[in-house]
C-alpha cells in the first residue's frame, strides 16, 4: 500500500503535487488541483504578501 509523503500514513490512493512532486493523500492537500498542503500554505502566504525581515548574512 502506498504511503503519503506528508502524513506518512498508508493510503489507497496518492496524488502528485504539481509544484514539488510530493506524493500526498486526499487529506494532505488539494487533490483536485494537485497541490500538497505544504505548497498550498506557501502559495497562500505569498498571496497574502507576508513581510519577511531580511537578515544580513555578510560577516565582513
PDB file of N, CA and C in Angstrom:
ATOM      1  N   UNK A   1       0.845  -1.179   0.000  1.00  0.00           N
ATOM      2  CA  UNK A   1       0.000   0.000   0.000  1.00  0.00           C
ATOM      3  C   UNK A   1       0.896   1.249   0.000  1.00  0.00           C
ATOM      4  N   UNK A   2       0.595   2.230  -0.843  1.00  0.00           N
ATOM      5  CA  UNK A   2       1.435   3.442  -0.924  1.00  0.00           C
ATOM      6  C   UNK A   2       1.342   4.298   0.341  1.00  0.00           C
ATOM      7  N   UNK A   3       2.400   5.083   0.581  1.00  0.00           N
ATOM      8  CA  UNK A   3       2.485   5.917   1.773  1.00  0.00           C
ATOM      9  C   UNK A   3       2.545   7.391   1.380  1.00  0.00           C
ATOM     10  N   UNK A   4       1.764   8.213   2.075  1.00  0.00           N
ATOM     11  CA  UNK A   4       1.733   9.660   1.848  1.00  0.00           C
ATOM     12  C   UNK A   4       3.048  10.286   2.310  1.00  0.00           C
ATOM     13  N   UNK A   5       3.638  11.144   1.480  1.00  0.00           N
ATOM     14  CA  UNK A   5       4.881  11.836   1.838  1.00  0.00           C
ATOM     15  C   UNK A   5       4.669  12.861   2.951  1.00  0.00           C
ATOM     16  N   UNK A   6       3.452  13.333   3.128  1.00  0.00           N
ATOM     17  CA  UNK A   6       3.177  14.381   4.112  1.00  0.00           C
ATOM     18  C   UNK A   6       2.867  13.789   5.487  1.00  0.00           C
ATOM     19  N   UNK A   7       1.843  12.943   5.576  1.00  0.00           N
ATOM     20  CA  UNK A   7       1.428  12.392   6.875  1.00  0.00           C
ATOM     21  C   UNK A   7       2.048  11.030   7.182  1.00  0.00           C
ATOM     22  N   UNK A   8       2.689  10.426   6.199  1.00  0.00           N
ATOM     23  CA  UNK A   8       3.367   9.132   6.334  1.00  0.00           C
ATOM     24  C   UNK A   8       2.426   7.950   6.567  1.00  0.00           C
ATOM     25  N   UNK A   9       1.122   8.134   6.339  1.00  0.00           N
ATOM     26  CA  UNK A   9       0.158   7.049   6.508  1.00  0.00           C
ATOM     27  C   UNK A   9       0.046   6.238   5.227  1.00  0.00           C
ATOM     28  N   UNK A  10      -0.231   4.942   5.388  1.00  0.00           N
ATOM     29  CA  UNK A  10      -0.507   4.084   4.242  1.00  0.00           C
ATOM     30  C   UNK A  10      -1.919   4.383   3.750  1.00  0.00           C
ATOM     31  N   UNK A  11      -2.048   4.635   2.461  1.00  0.00           N
ATOM     32  CA  UNK A  11      -3.339   5.009   1.882  1.00  0.00           C
ATOM     33  C   UNK A  11      -3.584   4.224   0.596  1.00  0.00           C
ATOM     34  N   UNK A  12      -4.821   4.238   0.144  1.00  0.00           N
ATOM     35  CA  UNK A  12      -5.170   3.525  -1.087  1.00  0.00           C
ATOM     36  C   UNK A  12      -4.785   4.301  -2.336  1.00  0.00           C
ATOM     37  N   UNK A  13      -4.855   5.642  -2.265  1.00  0.00           N
ATOM     38  CA  UNK A  13      -4.613   6.449  -3.456  1.00  0.00           C
ATOM     39  C   UNK A  13      -3.763   7.662  -3.111  1.00  0.00           C
ATOM     40  N   UNK A  14      -2.811   7.979  -3.984  1.00  0.00           N
ATOM     41  CA  UNK A  14      -1.950   9.148  -3.822  1.00  0.00           C
ATOM     42  C   UNK A  14      -2.105  10.082  -5.014  1.00  0.00           C
ATOM     43  N   UNK A  15      -1.770  11.335  -4.786  1.00  0.00           N
ATOM     44  CA  UNK A  15      -1.788  12.360  -5.824  1.00  0.00           C
ATOM     45  C   UNK A  15      -0.413  13.011  -5.837  1.00  0.00           C
ATOM     46  N   UNK A  16       0.041  13.469  -7.000  1.00  0.00           N
ATOM     47  CA  UNK A  16       1.366  14.077  -7.116  1.00  0.00           C
ATOM     48  C   UNK A  16       1.236  15.594  -7.176  1.00  0.00           C
ATOM     49  N   UNK A  17       1.968  16.284  -6.296  1.00  0.00           N
ATOM     50  CA  UNK A  17       1.955  17.742  -6.271  1.00  0.00           C
ATOM     51  C   UNK A  17       2.630  18.279  -7.531  1.00  0.00           C
ATOM     52  N   UNK A  18       1.957  19.217  -8.193  1.00  0.00           N
ATOM     53  CA  UNK A  18       2.492  19.773  -9.437  1.00  0.00           C
ATOM     54  C   UNK A  18       3.651  20.732  -9.192  1.00  0.00           C
ATOM     55  N   UNK A  19       3.844  21.162  -7.946  1.00  0.00           N
ATOM     56  CA  UNK A  19       4.938  22.085  -7.650  1.00  0.00           C
ATOM     57  C   UNK A  19       6.190  21.375  -7.136  1.00  0.00           C
ATOM     58  N   UNK A  20       6.039  20.532  -6.126  1.00  0.00           N
ATOM     59  CA  UNK A  20       7.227  19.929  -5.505  1.00  0.00           C
ATOM     60  C   UNK A  20       7.394  18.445  -5.808  1.00  0.00           C
ATOM     61  N   UNK A  21       6.362  17.813  -6.366  1.00  0.00           N
ATOM     62  CA  UNK A  21       6.453  16.400  -6.711  1.00  0.00           C
ATOM     63  C   UNK A  21       6.130  15.447  -5.576  1.00  0.00           C
ATOM     64  N   UNK A  22       5.761  15.973  -4.406  1.00  0.00           N
ATOM     65  CA  UNK A  22       5.412  15.113  -3.274  1.00  0.00           C
ATOM     66  C   UNK A  22       4.180  14.285  -3.612  1.00  0.00           C
ATOM     67  N   UNK A  23       4.170  13.072  -3.110  1.00  0.00           N
ATOM     68  CA  UNK A  23       3.013  12.204  -3.263  1.00  0.00           C
ATOM     69  C   UNK A  23       2.186  12.341  -1.988  1.00  0.00           C
ATOM     70  N   UNK A  24       0.931  12.818  -2.124  1.00  0.00           N
ATOM     71  CA  UNK A  24       0.116  13.090  -0.948  1.00  0.00           C
ATOM     72  C   UNK A  24      -1.257  12.434  -1.046  1.00  0.00           C
ATOM     73  N   UNK A  25      -1.873  12.203   0.126  1.00  0.00           N
ATOM     74  CA  UNK A  25      -3.208  11.606   0.172  1.00  0.00           C
ATOM     75  C   UNK A  25      -4.267  12.700   0.095  1.00  0.00           C
ATOM     76  N   UNK A  26      -5.521  12.300   0.021  1.00  0.00           N
ATOM     77  CA  UNK A  26      -6.603  13.278  -0.126  1.00  0.00           C
ATOM     78  C   UNK A  26      -6.748  14.184   1.088  1.00  0.00           C
ATOM     79  N   UNK A  27      -6.200  13.787   2.241  1.00  0.00           N
ATOM     80  CA  UNK A  27      -6.271  14.610   3.450  1.00  0.00           C
ATOM     81  C   UNK A  27      -5.120  15.604   3.562  1.00  0.00           C
ATOM     82  N   UNK A  28      -4.114  15.463   2.732  1.00  0.00           N
ATOM     83  CA  UNK A  28      -2.896  16.278   2.861  1.00  0.00           C
ATOM     84  C   UNK A  28      -2.688  17.250   1.708  1.00  0.00           C
ATOM     85  N   UNK A  29      -3.760  17.665   1.099  1.00  0.00           N
ATOM     86  CA  UNK A  29      -3.618  18.633   0.028  1.00  0.00           C
ATOM     87  C   UNK A  29      -4.890  18.801  -0.773  1.00  0.00           C
ATOM     88  N   UNK A  30      -4.776  19.608  -1.800  1.00  0.00           N
ATOM     89  CA  UNK A  30      -5.880  19.886  -2.716  1.00  0.00           C
ATOM     90  C   UNK A  30      -5.697  18.972  -3.924  1.00  0.00           C
ATOM     91  N   UNK A  31      -6.260  17.770  -3.831  1.00  0.00           N
ATOM     92  CA  UNK A  31      -6.035  16.781  -4.887  1.00  0.00           C
ATOM     93  C   UNK A  31      -6.709  17.152  -6.204  1.00  0.00           C
ATOM     94  N   UNK A  32      -7.729  17.993  -6.155  1.00  0.00           N
ATOM     95  CA  UNK A  32      -8.388  18.413  -7.400  1.00  0.00           C
ATOM     96  C   UNK A  32      -7.477  19.320  -8.224  1.00  0.00           C
ATOM     97  N   UNK A  33      -6.616  20.081  -7.532  1.00  0.00           N
ATOM     98  CA  UNK A  33      -5.676  20.975  -8.212  1.00  0.00           C
ATOM     99  C   UNK A  33      -4.237  20.477  -8.132  1.00  0.00           C
ATOM    100  N   UNK A  34      -4.045  19.278  -7.590  1.00  0.00           N
ATOM    101  CA  UNK A  34      -2.723  18.646  -7.471  1.00  0.00           C
ATOM    102  C   UNK A  34      -1.705  19.513  -6.738  1.00  0.00           C
ATOM    103  N   UNK A  35      -2.100  20.009  -5.546  1.00  0.00           N
ATOM    104  CA  UNK A  35      -1.197  20.815  -4.724  1.00  0.00           C
ATOM    105  C   UNK A  35      -1.184  20.241  -3.313  1.00  0.00           C
ATOM    106  N   UNK A  36       0.003  19.853  -2.818  1.00  0.00           N
ATOM    107  CA  UNK A  36       0.097  19.344  -1.455  1.00  0.00           C
ATOM    108  C   UNK A  36      -0.126  20.486  -0.461  1.00  0.00           C
ATOM    109  N   UNK A  37      -0.413  20.144   0.800  1.00  0.00           N
ATOM    110  CA  UNK A  37      -0.739  21.183   1.775  1.00  0.00           C
ATOM    111  C   UNK A  37       0.442  22.108   2.044  1.00  0.00           C
ATOM    112  N   UNK A  38       1.672  21.602   1.954  1.00  0.00           N
ATOM    113  CA  UNK A  38       2.841  22.459   2.174  1.00  0.00           C
ATOM    114  C   UNK A  38       2.942  23.533   1.091  1.00  0.00           C
ATOM    115  N   UNK A  39       2.764  23.149  -0.158  1.00  0.00           N
ATOM    116  CA  UNK A  39       2.823  24.124  -1.258  1.00  0.00           C
ATOM    117  C   UNK A  39       1.604  25.041  -1.232  1.00  0.00           C
ATOM    118  N   UNK A  40       0.462  24.515  -0.814  1.00  0.00           N
ATOM    119  CA  UNK A  40      -0.750  25.332  -0.713  1.00  0.00           C
ATOM    120  C   UNK A  40      -0.558  26.412   0.349  1.00  0.00           C
ATOM    121  N   UNK A  41       0.049  26.064   1.493  1.00  0.00           N
ATOM    122  CA  UNK A  41       0.319  27.037   2.549  1.00  0.00           C
ATOM    123  C   UNK A  41       1.302  28.094   2.058  1.00  0.00           C
ATOM    124  N   UNK A  42       2.322  27.674   1.319  1.00  0.00           N
ATOM    125  CA  UNK A  42       3.299  28.616   0.772  1.00  0.00           C
ATOM    126  C   UNK A  42       2.624  29.555  -0.223  1.00  0.00           C
ATOM    127  N   UNK A  43       1.797  28.987  -1.090  1.00  0.00           N
ATOM    128  CA  UNK A  43       1.079  29.784  -2.091  1.00  0.00           C
ATOM    129  C   UNK A  43       0.170  30.807  -1.405  1.00  0.00           C
ATOM    130  N   UNK A  44      -0.514  30.395  -0.354  1.00  0.00           N
ATOM    131  CA  UNK A  44      -1.399  31.290   0.394  1.00  0.00           C
ATOM    132  C   UNK A  44      -0.600  32.415   1.039  1.00  0.00           C
ATOM    133  N   UNK A  45       0.532  32.089   1.633  1.00  0.00           N
ATOM    134  CA  UNK A  45       1.380  33.098   2.269  1.00  0.00           C
ATOM    135  C   UNK A  45       1.884  34.101   1.244  1.00  0.00           C
ATOM    136  N   UNK A  46       2.237  33.632   0.059  1.00  0.00           N
ATOM    137  CA  UNK A  46       2.713  34.533  -0.990  1.00  0.00           C
ATOM    138  C   UNK A  46       1.594  35.460  -1.450  1.00  0.00           C
ATOM    139  N   UNK A  47       0.402  34.934  -1.522  1.00  0.00           N
ATOM    140  CA  UNK A  47      -0.745  35.738  -1.940  1.00  0.00           C
ATOM    141  C   UNK A  47      -1.113  36.787  -0.902  1.00  0.00           C
ATOM    142  N   UNK A  48      -0.837  36.497   0.365  1.00  0.00           N
ATOM    143  CA  UNK A  48      -1.124  37.453   1.433  1.00  0.00           C
ATOM    144  C   UNK A  48       0.000  38.470   1.595  1.00  0.00           C
ATOM    145  N   UNK A  49       1.080  38.269   0.846  1.00  0.00           N
ATOM    146  CA  UNK A  49       2.235  39.166   0.860  1.00  0.00           C
ATOM    147  C   UNK A  49       2.735  39.430   2.277  1.00  0.00           C
ATOM    148  N   UNK A  50       3.038  38.350   2.965  1.00  0.00           N
ATOM    149  CA  UNK A  50       3.581  38.450   4.315  1.00  0.00           C
ATOM    150  C   UNK A  50       4.968  39.069   4.236  1.00  0.00           C
ATOM    151  N   UNK A  51       5.203  40.091   5.056  1.00  0.00           N
ATOM    152  CA  UNK A  51       6.505  40.736   5.073  1.00  0.00           C
ATOM    153  C   UNK A  51       7.483  39.876   5.860  1.00  0.00           C
ATOM    154  N   UNK A  52       8.655  39.695   5.297  1.00  0.00           N
ATOM    155  CA  UNK A  52       9.699  38.917   5.940  1.00  0.00           C
ATOM    156  C   UNK A  52      10.897  39.826   6.140  1.00  0.00           C
ATOM    157  N   UNK A  53      11.423  39.826   7.358  1.00  0.00           N
ATOM    158  CA  UNK A  53      12.591  40.647   7.653  1.00  0.00           C
ATOM    159  C   UNK A  53      13.817  40.000   7.027  1.00  0.00           C
ATOM    160  N   UNK A  54      14.573  40.782   6.272  1.00  0.00           N
ATOM    161  CA  UNK A  54      15.789  40.266   5.665  1.00  0.00           C
ATOM    162  C   UNK A  54      16.910  40.295   6.692  1.00  0.00           C
ATOM    163  N   UNK A  55      17.684  39.233   6.724  1.00  0.00           N
ATOM    164  CA  UNK A  55      18.799  39.124   7.656  1.00  0.00           C
ATOM    165  C   UNK A  55      20.085  39.333   6.881  1.00  0.00           C
ATOM    166  N   UNK A  56      20.936  40.221   7.387  1.00  0.00           N
ATOM    167  CA  UNK A  56      22.220  40.491   6.754  1.00  0.00           C
ATOM    168  C   UNK A  56      23.176  39.360   7.106  1.00  0.00           C
ATOM    169  N   UNK A  57      23.592  38.604   6.089  1.00  0.00           N
ATOM    170  CA  UNK A  57      24.486  37.474   6.323  1.00  0.00           C
ATOM    171  C   UNK A  57      25.927  37.808   5.999  1.00  0.00           C
ATOM    172  N   UNK A  58      26.203  39.061   5.678  1.00  0.00           N
ATOM    173  CA  UNK A  58      27.564  39.493   5.366  1.00  0.00           C
ATOM    174  C   UNK A  58      28.341  39.619   6.669  1.00  0.00           C
ATOM    175  N   UNK A  59      29.338  38.771   6.849  1.00  0.00           N
ATOM    176  CA  UNK A  59      30.092  38.734   8.101  1.00  0.00           C
ATOM    177  C   UNK A  59      31.456  39.402   7.989  1.00  0.00           C
ATOM    178  N   UNK A  60      31.596  40.386   7.130  1.00  0.00           N
ATOM    179  CA  UNK A  60      32.888  41.070   6.962  1.00  0.00           C
ATOM    180  C   UNK A  60      33.303  41.802   8.203  1.00  0.00           C
TER     181      UNK A  60
END
